[in-house]
Amino acid sequence: MAYGVGRAIQDGIARASALAAEDHAHEVGQRYYQQRLAQRKAEVRADGKAALAELVALRKRLHG
């Protein structure tokens, strides 16, 4: 009986450790995704501003 209890405790510790590692990996993945998304939004915003500036310059050349 004591062996079974000890084994159950060890299994519980191993499972908790595995879940903690999985949770940590998920948090790291979430942070990466959020950083990448913010970077992509900034790139799109910069591209949009550059395109707008190009259109304004073109309009000025065409219409004086």
C-alpha atoms as a PDB file:
ATOM      1  CA  MET A   1       0.000   0.000   0.000  1.00  0.00           C
ATOM      2  CA  ALA A   2       2.782   2.432   0.873  1.00  0.00           C
ATOM      3  CA  TYR A   3       4.401   1.650  -2.460  1.00  0.00           C
ATOM      4  CA  GLY A   4       1.165   2.523  -4.281  1.00  0.00           C
ATOM      5  CA  VAL A   5       0.831   5.804  -2.425  1.00  0.00           C
ATOM      6  CA  GLY A   6       4.469   6.714  -3.103  1.00  0.00           C
ATOM      7  CA  ARG A   7       4.044   5.810  -6.750  1.00  0.00           C
ATOM      8  CA  ALA A   8       0.880   7.930  -7.015  1.00  0.00           C
ATOM      9  CA  ILE A   9       2.692  10.894  -5.471  1.00  0.00           C
ATOM     10  CA  GLN A  10       5.594  10.495  -7.910  1.00  0.00           C
ATOM     11  CA  ASP A  11       3.179  10.227 -10.846  1.00  0.00           C
ATOM     12  CA  GLY A  12       1.364  13.352  -9.662  1.00  0.00           C
ATOM     13  CA  ILE A  13       4.624  15.273  -9.386  1.00  0.00           C
ATOM     14  CA  ALA A  14       5.687  14.139 -12.861  1.00  0.00           C
ATOM     15  CA  ARG A  15       2.312  15.123 -14.325  1.00  0.00           C
ATOM     16  CA  ALA A  16       2.398  18.531 -12.622  1.00  0.00           C
ATOM     17  CA  SER A  17       5.901  19.115 -13.962  1.00  0.00           C
ATOM     18  CA  ALA A  18       4.818  18.154 -17.484  1.00  0.00           C
ATOM     19  CA  LEU A  19       1.814  20.489 -17.277  1.00  0.00           C
ATOM     20  CA  ALA A  20       3.989  23.341 -16.018  1.00  0.00           C
ATOM     21  CA  ALA A  21       6.398  22.838 -18.934  1.00  0.00           C
ATOM     22  CA  GLU A  22       3.503  22.760 -21.393  1.00  0.00           C
ATOM     23  CA  ASP A  23       2.031  25.914 -19.874  1.00  0.00           C
ATOM     24  CA  HIS A  24       5.380  27.686 -20.101  1.00  0.00           C
ATOM     25  CA  ALA A  25       5.754  26.686 -23.766  1.00  0.00           C
ATOM     26  CA  HIS A  26       2.263  28.026 -24.447  1.00  0.00           C
ATOM     27  CA  GLU A  27       3.113  31.353 -22.778  1.00  0.00           C
ATOM     28  CA  VAL A  28       6.307  31.651 -24.821  1.00  0.00           C
ATOM     29  CA  GLY A  29       4.347  30.900 -27.990  1.00  0.00           C
ATOM     30  CA  GLN A  30       1.723  33.483 -27.119  1.00  0.00           C
ATOM     31  CA  ARG A  31       4.369  36.150 -26.483  1.00  0.00           C
ATOM     32  CA  TYR A  32       6.041  35.369 -29.831  1.00  0.00           C
ATOM     33  CA  TYR A  33       2.688  35.541 -31.631  1.00  0.00           C
ATOM     34  CA  GLN A  34       1.809  38.880 -30.004  1.00  0.00           C
ATOM     35  CA  GLN A  35       5.231  40.347 -30.858  1.00  0.00           C
ATOM     36  CA  ARG A  36       5.021  39.127 -34.454  1.00  0.00           C
ATOM     37  CA  LEU A  37       1.496  40.490 -34.826  1.00  0.00           C
ATOM     38  CA  ALA A  38       2.554  43.905 -33.489  1.00  0.00           C
ATOM     39  CA  GLN A  39       5.546  43.903 -35.843  1.00  0.00           C
ATOM     40  CA  ARG A  40       3.357  43.037 -38.825  1.00  0.00           C
ATOM     41  CA  LYS A  41       0.844  45.770 -37.944  1.00  0.00           C
ATOM     42  CA  ALA A  42       3.683  48.303 -37.737  1.00  0.00           C
ATOM     43  CA  GLU A  43       4.994  47.162 -41.127  1.00  0.00           C
ATOM     44  CA  VAL A  44       1.564  47.470 -42.729  1.00  0.00           C
ATOM     45  CA  ARG A  45       1.060  50.907 -41.148  1.00  0.00           C
ATOM     46  CA  ALA A  46       4.462  52.080 -42.440  1.00  0.00           C
ATOM     47  CA  ASP A  47       3.709  50.719 -45.915  1.00  0.00           C
ATOM     48  CA  GLY A  48       0.370  52.518 -45.904  1.00  0.00           C
ATOM     49  CA  LYS A  49       1.969  55.809 -44.882  1.00  0.00           C
ATOM     50  CA  ALA A  50       4.617  55.437 -47.584  1.00  0.00           C
ATOM     51  CA  ALA A  51       1.981  54.682 -50.213  1.00  0.00           C
ATOM     52  CA  LEU A  52      -0.079  57.690 -49.115  1.00  0.00           C
ATOM     53  CA  ALA A  53       2.963  59.964 -49.286  1.00  0.00           C
ATOM     54  CA  GLU A  54       3.700  58.650 -52.773  1.00  0.00           C
ATOM     55  CA  LEU A  55       0.133  59.324 -53.897  1.00  0.00           C
ATOM     56  CA  VAL A  56       0.206  62.848 -52.461  1.00  0.00           C
ATOM     57  CA  ALA A  57       3.489  63.565 -54.244  1.00  0.00           C
ATOM     58  CA  LEU A  58       2.089  62.186 -57.498  1.00  0.00           C
ATOM     59  CA  ARG A  59      -1.053  64.299 -57.143  1.00  0.00           C
ATOM     60  CA  LYS A  60       1.049  67.415 -56.562  1.00  0.00           C
ATOM     61  CA  ARG A  61       3.088  66.699 -59.687  1.00  0.00           C
ATOM     62  CA  LEU A  62       0.002  66.118 -61.800  1.00  0.00           C
ATOM     63  CA  HIS A  63      -2.110  68.986 -60.509  1.00  0.00           C
ATOM     64  CA  GLY A  64       0.530  71.495 -59.560  1.00  0.00           C
END
